Amino acid sequence: MRLTTLNPEYKPAGATSVPEAMGLQFDCPGCVGTERTHRIWTPFARSNGGKGWAEQGTTFENLTFVDAPTGSRSVRVTGYPCHSHFNITNGEIDFYGDSHSP
């Protein structure tokens, strides 16, 4: 699954690339296409006081999360029935085995 298929948006509105953005918002890859679809906010550490993901790349197509405050580059969603757990690597969503993915 590609990040580009998850309706990604740079935030704040008006940002047109990863270097301009403070973070991303996109459809949860574990819930997309189901009745529990929701959006995920992933702030970038460089624009959020170090709290968020360190990133490489300039677009949705080549974005990679390389680190996060927890020491892991993964995105783990809790509090939703999906319990998605994944990495973003060169624009590709890579699920962990403990993730409820499509």
PDB file of N, CA and C in Angstrom:
ATOM      1  N   MET A   1       0.856  -1.170   0.000  1.00  0.00           N
ATOM      2  CA  MET A   1       0.000   0.000   0.000  1.00  0.00           C
ATOM      3  C   MET A   1       0.903   1.235   0.000  1.00  0.00           C
ATOM      4  N   ARG A   2       0.548   2.207  -0.810  1.00  0.00           N
ATOM      5  CA  ARG A   2       1.322   3.443  -0.911  1.00  0.00           C
ATOM      6  C   ARG A   2       0.647   4.563  -0.114  1.00  0.00           C
ATOM      7  N   LEU A   3       1.462   5.428   0.466  1.00  0.00           N
ATOM      8  CA  LEU A   3       0.950   6.594   1.179  1.00  0.00           C
ATOM      9  C   LEU A   3       0.051   7.422   0.260  1.00  0.00           C
ATOM     10  N   THR A   4       0.379   7.510  -1.005  1.00  0.00           N
ATOM     11  CA  THR A   4      -0.396   8.318  -1.950  1.00  0.00           C
ATOM     12  C   THR A   4      -1.833   7.838  -2.096  1.00  0.00           C
ATOM     13  N   THR A   5      -2.142   6.593  -1.725  1.00  0.00           N
ATOM     14  CA  THR A   5      -3.506   6.071  -1.827  1.00  0.00           C
ATOM     15  C   THR A   5      -4.337   6.390  -0.587  1.00  0.00           C
ATOM     16  N   LEU A   6      -3.731   7.041   0.406  1.00  0.00           N
ATOM     17  CA  LEU A   6      -4.393   7.297   1.687  1.00  0.00           C
ATOM     18  C   LEU A   6      -4.811   8.760   1.857  1.00  0.00           C
ATOM     19  N   ASN A   7      -5.020   9.460   0.758  1.00  0.00           N
ATOM     20  CA  ASN A   7      -5.458  10.864   0.785  1.00  0.00           C
ATOM     21  C   ASN A   7      -4.576  11.725   1.687  1.00  0.00           C
ATOM     22  N   PRO A   8      -3.263  11.676   1.488  1.00  0.00           N
ATOM     23  CA  PRO A   8      -2.380  12.452   2.363  1.00  0.00           C
ATOM     24  C   PRO A   8      -2.504  13.951   2.108  1.00  0.00           C
ATOM     25  N   GLU A   9      -2.287  14.710   3.179  1.00  0.00           N
ATOM     26  CA  GLU A   9      -2.281  16.171   3.100  1.00  0.00           C
ATOM     27  C   GLU A   9      -1.114  16.686   3.925  1.00  0.00           C
ATOM     28  N   TYR A  10      -0.412  17.657   3.384  1.00  0.00           N
ATOM     29  CA  TYR A  10       0.597  18.367   4.167  1.00  0.00           C
ATOM     30  C   TYR A  10      -0.122  19.329   5.097  1.00  0.00           C
ATOM     31  N   LYS A  11       0.387  19.473   6.277  1.00  0.00           N
ATOM     32  CA  LYS A  11      -0.155  20.445   7.228  1.00  0.00           C
ATOM     33  C   LYS A  11       0.956  21.377   7.638  1.00  0.00           C
ATOM     34  N   PRO A  12       0.709  22.666   7.748  1.00  0.00           N
ATOM     35  CA  PRO A  12      -0.572  23.339   7.599  1.00  0.00           C
ATOM     36  C   PRO A  12      -1.004  23.423   6.139  1.00  0.00           C
ATOM     37  N   ALA A  13      -2.253  23.758   5.952  1.00  0.00           N
ATOM     38  CA  ALA A  13      -2.777  23.956   4.612  1.00  0.00           C
ATOM     39  C   ALA A  13      -1.901  24.976   3.901  1.00  0.00           C
ATOM     40  N   GLY A  14      -1.640  24.744   2.662  1.00  0.00           N
ATOM     41  CA  GLY A  14      -0.784  25.650   1.898  1.00  0.00           C
ATOM     42  C   GLY A  14       0.614  25.099   1.698  1.00  0.00           C
ATOM     43  N   ALA A  15       1.061  24.188   2.573  1.00  0.00           N
ATOM     44  CA  ALA A  15       2.360  23.542   2.375  1.00  0.00           C
ATOM     45  C   ALA A  15       2.236  22.623   1.162  1.00  0.00           C
ATOM     46  N   THR A  16       3.289  22.577   0.349  1.00  0.00           N
ATOM     47  CA  THR A  16       3.230  21.789  -0.879  1.00  0.00           C
ATOM     48  C   THR A  16       4.300  20.711  -0.967  1.00  0.00           C
ATOM     49  N   SER A  17       5.096  20.551   0.087  1.00  0.00           N
ATOM     50  CA  SER A  17       6.131  19.520   0.097  1.00  0.00           C
ATOM     51  C   SER A  17       6.500  19.192   1.539  1.00  0.00           C
ATOM     52  N   VAL A  18       7.216  18.097   1.720  1.00  0.00           N
ATOM     53  CA  VAL A  18       7.638  17.691   3.066  1.00  0.00           C
ATOM     54  C   VAL A  18       8.462  18.786   3.744  1.00  0.00           C
ATOM     55  N   PRO A  19       9.461  19.392   3.080  1.00  0.00           N
ATOM     56  CA  PRO A  19      10.253  20.419   3.771  1.00  0.00           C
ATOM     57  C   PRO A  19       9.447  21.625   4.252  1.00  0.00           C
ATOM     58  N   GLU A  20       8.341  21.943   3.597  1.00  0.00           N
ATOM     59  CA  GLU A  20       7.500  23.078   3.998  1.00  0.00           C
ATOM     60  C   GLU A  20       6.513  22.714   5.103  1.00  0.00           C
ATOM     61  N   ALA A  21       6.230  21.425   5.269  1.00  0.00           N
ATOM     62  CA  ALA A  21       5.158  20.977   6.158  1.00  0.00           C
ATOM     63  C   ALA A  21       5.624  20.816   7.604  1.00  0.00           C
ATOM     64  N   MET A  22       4.669  20.927   8.515  1.00  0.00           N
ATOM     65  CA  MET A  22       4.897  20.633   9.929  1.00  0.00           C
ATOM     66  C   MET A  22       4.567  19.176  10.234  1.00  0.00           C
ATOM     67  N   GLY A  23       3.884  18.527   9.310  1.00  0.00           N
ATOM     68  CA  GLY A  23       3.505  17.132   9.459  1.00  0.00           C
ATOM     69  C   GLY A  23       2.541  16.726   8.375  1.00  0.00           C
ATOM     70  N   LEU A  24       2.011  15.518   8.503  1.00  0.00           N
ATOM     71  CA  LEU A  24       1.074  14.968   7.533  1.00  0.00           C
ATOM     72  C   LEU A  24      -0.189  14.495   8.216  1.00  0.00           C
ATOM     73  N   GLN A  25      -1.269  14.486   7.456  1.00  0.00           N
ATOM     74  CA  GLN A  25      -2.497  13.850   7.879  1.00  0.00           C
ATOM     75  C   GLN A  25      -2.918  12.939   6.732  1.00  0.00           C
ATOM     76  N   PHE A  26      -3.341  11.709   7.065  1.00  0.00           N
ATOM     77  CA  PHE A  26      -3.716  10.750   6.039  1.00  0.00           C
ATOM     78  C   PHE A  26      -4.675   9.713   6.629  1.00  0.00           C
ATOM     79  N   ASP A  27      -5.380   8.993   5.727  1.00  0.00           N
ATOM     80  CA  ASP A  27      -6.289   7.940   6.158  1.00  0.00           C
ATOM     81  C   ASP A  27      -5.492   6.815   6.809  1.00  0.00           C
ATOM     82  N   CYS A  28      -6.030   6.242   7.879  1.00  0.00           N
ATOM     83  CA  CYS A  28      -5.375   5.134   8.552  1.00  0.00           C
ATOM     84  C   CYS A  28      -5.298   3.945   7.593  1.00  0.00           C
ATOM     85  N   PRO A  29      -4.111   3.415   7.332  1.00  0.00           N
ATOM     86  CA  PRO A  29      -4.008   2.307   6.390  1.00  0.00           C
ATOM     87  C   PRO A  29      -4.654   1.021   6.895  1.00  0.00           C
ATOM     88  N   GLY A  30      -4.812   0.876   8.198  1.00  0.00           N
ATOM     89  CA  GLY A  30      -5.454  -0.312   8.743  1.00  0.00           C
ATOM     90  C   GLY A  30      -6.965  -0.271   8.699  1.00  0.00           C
ATOM     91  N   CYS A  31      -7.527   0.902   8.493  1.00  0.00           N
ATOM     92  CA  CYS A  31      -8.992   1.056   8.508  1.00  0.00           C
ATOM     93  C   CYS A  31      -9.559   1.541   7.185  1.00  0.00           C
ATOM     94  N   VAL A  32      -8.726   1.958   6.273  1.00  0.00           N
ATOM     95  CA  VAL A  32      -9.199   2.518   5.012  1.00  0.00           C
ATOM     96  C   VAL A  32     -10.156   1.534   4.329  1.00  0.00           C
ATOM     97  N   GLY A  33     -11.269   2.066   3.859  1.00  0.00           N
ATOM     98  CA  GLY A  33     -12.259   1.252   3.176  1.00  0.00           C
ATOM     99  C   GLY A  33     -13.219   0.515   4.089  1.00  0.00           C
ATOM    100  N   THR A  34     -13.130   0.766   5.400  1.00  0.00           N
ATOM    101  CA  THR A  34     -14.043   0.116   6.345  1.00  0.00           C
ATOM    102  C   THR A  34     -14.925   1.171   7.007  1.00  0.00           C
ATOM    103  N   GLU A  35     -15.865   0.730   7.800  1.00  0.00           N
ATOM    104  CA  GLU A  35     -16.751   1.665   8.504  1.00  0.00           C
ATOM    105  C   GLU A  35     -16.030   2.420   9.603  1.00  0.00           C
ATOM    106  N   ARG A  36     -14.836   2.004   9.984  1.00  0.00           N
ATOM    107  CA  ARG A  36     -14.102   2.686  11.060  1.00  0.00           C
ATOM    108  C   ARG A  36     -12.986   3.598  10.530  1.00  0.00           C
ATOM    109  N   THR A  37     -13.072   4.003   9.274  1.00  0.00           N
ATOM    110  CA  THR A  37     -12.062   4.877   8.670  1.00  0.00           C
ATOM    111  C   THR A  37     -11.859   6.131   9.510  1.00  0.00           C
ATOM    112  N   HIS A  38     -10.610   6.497   9.723  1.00  0.00           N
ATOM    113  CA  HIS A  38     -10.270   7.719  10.455  1.00  0.00           C
ATOM    114  C   HIS A  38      -8.949   8.247   9.910  1.00  0.00           C
ATOM    115  N   ARG A  39      -8.591   9.448  10.317  1.00  0.00           N
ATOM    116  CA  ARG A  39      -7.365  10.102   9.847  1.00  0.00           C
ATOM    117  C   ARG A  39      -6.295  10.010  10.929  1.00  0.00           C
ATOM    118  N   ILE A  40      -5.040  10.014  10.495  1.00  0.00           N
ATOM    119  CA  ILE A  40      -3.889   9.990  11.392  1.00  0.00           C
ATOM    120  C   ILE A  40      -3.094  11.275  11.181  1.00  0.00           C
ATOM    121  N   TRP A  41      -2.681  11.907  12.265  1.00  0.00           N
ATOM    122  CA  TRP A  41      -1.825  13.098  12.244  1.00  0.00           C
ATOM    123  C   TRP A  41      -0.424  12.656  12.660  1.00  0.00           C
ATOM    124  N   THR A  42       0.573  12.940  11.836  1.00  0.00           N
ATOM    125  CA  THR A  42       1.958  12.618  12.158  1.00  0.00           C
ATOM    126  C   THR A  42       2.797  13.901  12.066  1.00  0.00           C
ATOM    127  N   PRO A  43       3.058  14.550  13.191  1.00  0.00           N
ATOM    128  CA  PRO A  43       3.877  15.762  13.173  1.00  0.00           C
ATOM    129  C   PRO A  43       5.344  15.419  12.932  1.00  0.00           C
ATOM    130  N   PHE A  44       6.065  16.346  12.346  1.00  0.00           N
ATOM    131  CA  PHE A  44       7.504  16.185  12.149  1.00  0.00           C
ATOM    132  C   PHE A  44       8.237  16.761  13.355  1.00  0.00           C
ATOM    133  N   ALA A  45       9.235  16.052  13.836  1.00  0.00           N
ATOM    134  CA  ALA A  45       9.982  16.455  15.030  1.00  0.00           C
ATOM    135  C   ALA A  45      10.609  17.836  14.868  1.00  0.00           C
ATOM    136  N   ARG A  46      11.096  18.155  13.686  1.00  0.00           N
ATOM    137  CA  ARG A  46      11.801  19.429  13.468  1.00  0.00           C
ATOM    138  C   ARG A  46      10.896  20.637  13.630  1.00  0.00           C
ATOM    139  N   SER A  47       9.589  20.434  13.516  1.00  0.00           N
ATOM    140  CA  SER A  47       8.659  21.557  13.609  1.00  0.00           C
ATOM    141  C   SER A  47       7.734  21.450  14.821  1.00  0.00           C
ATOM    142  N   ASN A  48       7.989  20.488  15.692  1.00  0.00           N
ATOM    143  CA  ASN A  48       7.094  20.260  16.821  1.00  0.00           C
ATOM    144  C   ASN A  48       7.896  20.062  18.113  1.00  0.00           C
ATOM    145  N   GLY A  49       8.941  20.843  18.281  1.00  0.00           N
ATOM    146  CA  GLY A  49       9.719  20.776  19.508  1.00  0.00           C
ATOM    147  C   GLY A  49      10.354  19.426  19.767  1.00  0.00           C
ATOM    148  N   GLY A  50      10.682  18.690  18.709  1.00  0.00           N
ATOM    149  CA  GLY A  50      11.296  17.380  18.852  1.00  0.00           C
ATOM    150  C   GLY A  50      10.315  16.249  19.079  1.00  0.00           C
ATOM    151  N   LYS A  51       9.018  16.565  19.158  1.00  0.00           N
ATOM    152  CA  LYS A  51       8.010  15.534  19.392  1.00  0.00           C
ATOM    153  C   LYS A  51       7.330  15.185  18.078  1.00  0.00           C
ATOM    154  N   GLY A  52       7.729  14.104  17.497  1.00  0.00           N
ATOM    155  CA  GLY A  52       7.188  13.667  16.216  1.00  0.00           C
ATOM    156  C   GLY A  52       8.204  12.817  15.494  1.00  0.00           C
ATOM    157  N   TRP A  53       8.025  12.662  14.214  1.00  0.00           N
ATOM    158  CA  TRP A  53       8.873  11.803  13.408  1.00  0.00           C
ATOM    159  C   TRP A  53       9.922  12.612  12.671  1.00  0.00           C
ATOM    160  N   ALA A  54      11.145  12.104  12.651  1.00  0.00           N
ATOM    161  CA  ALA A  54      12.181  12.646  11.776  1.00  0.00           C
ATOM    162  C   ALA A  54      11.941  12.023  10.407  1.00  0.00           C
ATOM    163  N   GLU A  55      12.083  12.815   9.371  1.00  0.00           N
ATOM    164  CA  GLU A  55      11.708  12.346   8.045  1.00  0.00           C
ATOM    165  C   GLU A  55      12.826  12.551   7.042  1.00  0.00           C
ATOM    166  N   GLN A  56      12.784  11.736   5.993  1.00  0.00           N
ATOM    167  CA  GLN A  56      13.632  11.911   4.814  1.00  0.00           C
ATOM    168  C   GLN A  56      12.703  11.895   3.623  1.00  0.00           C
ATOM    169  N   GLY A  57      13.067  12.634   2.596  1.00  0.00           N
ATOM    170  CA  GLY A  57      12.254  12.706   1.393  1.00  0.00           C
ATOM    171  C   GLY A  57      11.620  14.080   1.266  1.00  0.00           C
ATOM    172  N   THR A  58      11.045  14.320   0.102  1.00  0.00           N
ATOM    173  CA  THR A  58      10.470  15.633  -0.182  1.00  0.00           C
ATOM    174  C   THR A  58       9.008  15.587  -0.598  1.00  0.00           C
ATOM    175  N   THR A  59       8.491  14.386  -0.890  1.00  0.00           N
ATOM    176  CA  THR A  59       7.110  14.245  -1.360  1.00  0.00           C
ATOM    177  C   THR A  59       6.458  13.029  -0.702  1.00  0.00           C
ATOM    178  N   PHE A  60       5.164  12.876  -0.919  1.00  0.00           N
ATOM    179  CA  PHE A  60       4.461  11.684  -0.435  1.00  0.00           C
ATOM    180  C   PHE A  60       5.059  10.420  -1.056  1.00  0.00           C
ATOM    181  N   GLU A  61       5.534  10.526  -2.285  1.00  0.00           N
ATOM    182  CA  GLU A  61       6.036   9.377  -3.031  1.00  0.00           C
ATOM    183  C   GLU A  61       7.355   8.836  -2.487  1.00  0.00           C
ATOM    184  N   ASN A  62       8.172   9.691  -1.854  1.00  0.00           N
ATOM    185  CA  ASN A  62       9.480   9.209  -1.389  1.00  0.00           C
ATOM    186  C   ASN A  62       9.715   9.422   0.111  1.00  0.00           C
ATOM    187  N   LEU A  63       8.671   9.684   0.848  1.00  0.00           N
ATOM    188  CA  LEU A  63       8.800   9.936   2.283  1.00  0.00           C
ATOM    189  C   LEU A  63       9.186   8.669   3.043  1.00  0.00           C
ATOM    190  N   THR A  64      10.127   8.828   3.969  1.00  0.00           N
ATOM    191  CA  THR A  64      10.510   7.774   4.900  1.00  0.00           C
ATOM    192  C   THR A  64      10.581   8.380   6.287  1.00  0.00           C
ATOM    193  N   PHE A  65       9.945   7.728   7.270  1.00  0.00           N
ATOM    194  CA  PHE A  65      10.131   8.119   8.668  1.00  0.00           C
ATOM    195  C   PHE A  65      11.367   7.390   9.159  1.00  0.00           C
ATOM    196  N   VAL A  66      12.348   8.138   9.681  1.00  0.00           N
ATOM    197  CA  VAL A  66      13.612   7.539  10.091  1.00  0.00           C
ATOM    198  C   VAL A  66      13.769   7.428  11.598  1.00  0.00           C
ATOM    199  N   ASP A  67      12.963   8.149  12.370  1.00  0.00           N
ATOM    200  CA  ASP A  67      13.088   8.108  13.821  1.00  0.00           C
ATOM    201  C   ASP A  67      11.879   8.807  14.440  1.00  0.00           C
ATOM    202  N   ALA A  68      11.658   8.524  15.705  1.00  0.00           N
ATOM    203  CA  ALA A  68      10.598   9.176  16.487  1.00  0.00           C
ATOM    204  C   ALA A  68      11.087   9.284  17.923  1.00  0.00           C
ATOM    205  N   PRO A  69      10.426  10.069  18.759  1.00  0.00           N
ATOM    206  CA  PRO A  69      10.869  10.242  20.141  1.00  0.00           C
ATOM    207  C   PRO A  69      10.963   8.935  20.922  1.00  0.00           C
ATOM    208  N   THR A  70      10.193   7.953  20.543  1.00  0.00           N
ATOM    209  CA  THR A  70      10.226   6.671  21.247  1.00  0.00           C
ATOM    210  C   THR A  70      11.442   5.838  20.866  1.00  0.00           C
ATOM    211  N   GLY A  71      12.211   6.298  19.878  1.00  0.00           N
ATOM    212  CA  GLY A  71      13.348   5.532  19.391  1.00  0.00           C
ATOM    213  C   GLY A  71      12.969   4.591  18.271  1.00  0.00           C
ATOM    214  N   SER A  72      11.714   4.584  17.897  1.00  0.00           N
ATOM    215  CA  SER A  72      11.229   3.749  16.810  1.00  0.00           C
ATOM    216  C   SER A  72      10.659   4.641  15.726  1.00  0.00           C
ATOM    217  N   ARG A  73      10.822   4.248  14.503  1.00  0.00           N
ATOM    218  CA  ARG A  73      10.275   5.033  13.397  1.00  0.00           C
ATOM    219  C   ARG A  73       8.857   4.625  13.048  1.00  0.00           C
ATOM    220  N   SER A  74       8.321   3.661  13.760  1.00  0.00           N
ATOM    221  CA  SER A  74       6.991   3.159  13.422  1.00  0.00           C
ATOM    222  C   SER A  74       5.893   4.103  13.899  1.00  0.00           C
ATOM    223  N   VAL A  75       4.745   3.960  13.262  1.00  0.00           N
ATOM    224  CA  VAL A  75       3.519   4.651  13.659  1.00  0.00           C
ATOM    225  C   VAL A  75       2.630   3.579  14.277  1.00  0.00           C
ATOM    226  N   ARG A  76       2.228   3.789  15.521  1.00  0.00           N
ATOM    227  CA  ARG A  76       1.344   2.831  16.204  1.00  0.00           C
ATOM    228  C   ARG A  76       0.089   3.585  16.628  1.00  0.00           C
ATOM    229  N   VAL A  77      -1.060   3.112  16.131  1.00  0.00           N
ATOM    230  CA  VAL A  77      -2.336   3.735  16.449  1.00  0.00           C
ATOM    231  C   VAL A  77      -2.981   2.935  17.578  1.00  0.00           C
ATOM    232  N   THR A  78      -3.318   3.617  18.662  1.00  0.00           N
ATOM    233  CA  THR A  78      -4.032   2.974  19.758  1.00  0.00           C
ATOM    234  C   THR A  78      -5.308   3.754  20.016  1.00  0.00           C
ATOM    235  N   GLY A  79      -6.269   3.132  20.608  1.00  0.00           N
ATOM    236  CA  GLY A  79      -7.526   3.801  20.902  1.00  0.00           C
ATOM    237  C   GLY A  79      -8.560   3.644  19.800  1.00  0.00           C
ATOM    238  N   TYR A  80      -8.205   2.965  18.747  1.00  0.00           N
ATOM    239  CA  TYR A  80      -9.138   2.667  17.662  1.00  0.00           C
ATOM    240  C   TYR A  80      -9.215   1.150  17.528  1.00  0.00           C
ATOM    241  N   PRO A  81     -10.296   0.620  17.022  1.00  0.00           N
ATOM    242  CA  PRO A  81     -10.398  -0.839  16.865  1.00  0.00           C
ATOM    243  C   PRO A  81      -9.337  -1.430  15.940  1.00  0.00           C
ATOM    244  N   CYS A  82      -8.704  -0.627  15.103  1.00  0.00           N
ATOM    245  CA  CYS A  82      -7.759  -1.165  14.118  1.00  0.00           C
ATOM    246  C   CYS A  82      -6.410  -1.550  14.708  1.00  0.00           C
ATOM    247  N   HIS A  83      -5.893  -0.799  15.636  1.00  0.00           N
ATOM    248  CA  HIS A  83      -4.557  -1.025  16.210  1.00  0.00           C
ATOM    249  C   HIS A  83      -3.497  -1.143  15.118  1.00  0.00           C
ATOM    250  N   SER A  84      -3.468  -0.193  14.210  1.00  0.00           N
ATOM    251  CA  SER A  84      -2.485  -0.196  13.132  1.00  0.00           C
ATOM    252  C   SER A  84      -1.084   0.070  13.668  1.00  0.00           C
ATOM    253  N   HIS A  85      -0.129  -0.608  13.093  1.00  0.00           N
ATOM    254  CA  HIS A  85       1.282  -0.454  13.457  1.00  0.00           C
ATOM    255  C   HIS A  85       2.084  -0.637  12.170  1.00  0.00           C
ATOM    256  N   PHE A  86       2.758   0.441  11.742  1.00  0.00           N
ATOM    257  CA  PHE A  86       3.401   0.412  10.438  1.00  0.00           C
ATOM    258  C   PHE A  86       4.554   1.399  10.367  1.00  0.00           C
ATOM    259  N   ASN A  87       5.382   1.233   9.353  1.00  0.00           N
ATOM    260  CA  ASN A  87       6.420   2.185   8.976  1.00  0.00           C
ATOM    261  C   ASN A  87       6.031   2.804   7.644  1.00  0.00           C
ATOM    262  N   ILE A  88       6.596   3.970   7.373  1.00  0.00           N
ATOM    263  CA  ILE A  88       6.513   4.548   6.032  1.00  0.00           C
ATOM    264  C   ILE A  88       7.940   4.569   5.498  1.00  0.00           C
ATOM    265  N   THR A  89       8.154   3.830   4.409  1.00  0.00           N
ATOM    266  CA  THR A  89       9.478   3.684   3.819  1.00  0.00           C
ATOM    267  C   THR A  89       9.396   3.968   2.330  1.00  0.00           C
ATOM    268  N   ASN A  90      10.027   5.041   1.893  1.00  0.00           N
ATOM    269  CA  ASN A  90      10.009   5.447   0.483  1.00  0.00           C
ATOM    270  C   ASN A  90       8.576   5.495  -0.066  1.00  0.00           C
ATOM    271  N   GLY A  91       7.655   6.035   0.752  1.00  0.00           N
ATOM    272  CA  GLY A  91       6.267   6.193   0.338  1.00  0.00           C
ATOM    273  C   GLY A  91       5.420   4.945   0.459  1.00  0.00           C
ATOM    274  N   GLU A  92       5.997   3.844   0.910  1.00  0.00           N
ATOM    275  CA  GLU A  92       5.291   2.566   1.047  1.00  0.00           C
ATOM    276  C   GLU A  92       4.924   2.328   2.512  1.00  0.00           C
ATOM    277  N   ILE A  93       3.731   1.808   2.752  1.00  0.00           N
ATOM    278  CA  ILE A  93       3.298   1.443   4.102  1.00  0.00           C
ATOM    279  C   ILE A  93       3.735   0.002   4.343  1.00  0.00           C
ATOM    280  N   ASP A  94       4.547  -0.195   5.381  1.00  0.00           N
ATOM    281  CA  ASP A  94       5.031  -1.523   5.762  1.00  0.00           C
ATOM    282  C   ASP A  94       4.422  -1.887   7.105  1.00  0.00           C
ATOM    283  N   PHE A  95       3.485  -2.847   7.113  1.00  0.00           N
ATOM    284  CA  PHE A  95       2.804  -3.235   8.344  1.00  0.00           C
ATOM    285  C   PHE A  95       3.656  -4.167   9.188  1.00  0.00           C
ATOM    286  N   TYR A  96       3.535  -4.017  10.510  1.00  0.00           N
ATOM    287  CA  TYR A  96       4.103  -4.975  11.453  1.00  0.00           C
ATOM    288  C   TYR A  96       3.106  -6.109  11.629  1.00  0.00           C
ATOM    289  N   GLY A  97       3.589  -7.261  12.095  1.00  0.00           N
ATOM    290  CA  GLY A  97       2.744  -8.438  12.281  1.00  0.00           C
ATOM    291  C   GLY A  97       1.631  -8.242  13.300  1.00  0.00           C
ATOM    292  N   ASP A  98       1.822  -7.314  14.267  1.00  0.00           N
ATOM    293  CA  ASP A  98       0.789  -7.100  15.270  1.00  0.00           C
ATOM    294  C   ASP A  98      -0.253  -6.072  14.837  1.00  0.00           C
ATOM    295  N   SER A  99      -0.181  -5.631  13.602  1.00  0.00           N
ATOM    296  CA  SER A  99      -1.125  -4.643  13.090  1.00  0.00           C
ATOM    297  C   SER A  99      -2.347  -5.332  12.504  1.00  0.00           C
ATOM    298  N   HIS A 100      -3.498  -4.693  12.686  1.00  0.00           N
ATOM    299  CA  HIS A 100      -4.728  -5.141  12.030  1.00  0.00           C
ATOM    300  C   HIS A 100      -4.810  -4.374  10.722  1.00  0.00           C
ATOM    301  N   SER A 101      -4.315  -4.944   9.668  1.00  0.00           N
ATOM    302  CA  SER A 101      -4.280  -4.266   8.377  1.00  0.00           C
ATOM    303  C   SER A 101      -5.283  -4.908   7.427  1.00  0.00           C
ATOM    304  N   PRO A 102      -5.580  -4.226   6.306  1.00  0.00           N
ATOM    305  CA  PRO A 102      -6.552  -4.766   5.353  1.00  0.00           C
ATOM    306  C   PRO A 102      -6.063  -6.056   4.712  1.00  0.00           C
TER     307      PRO A 102
END
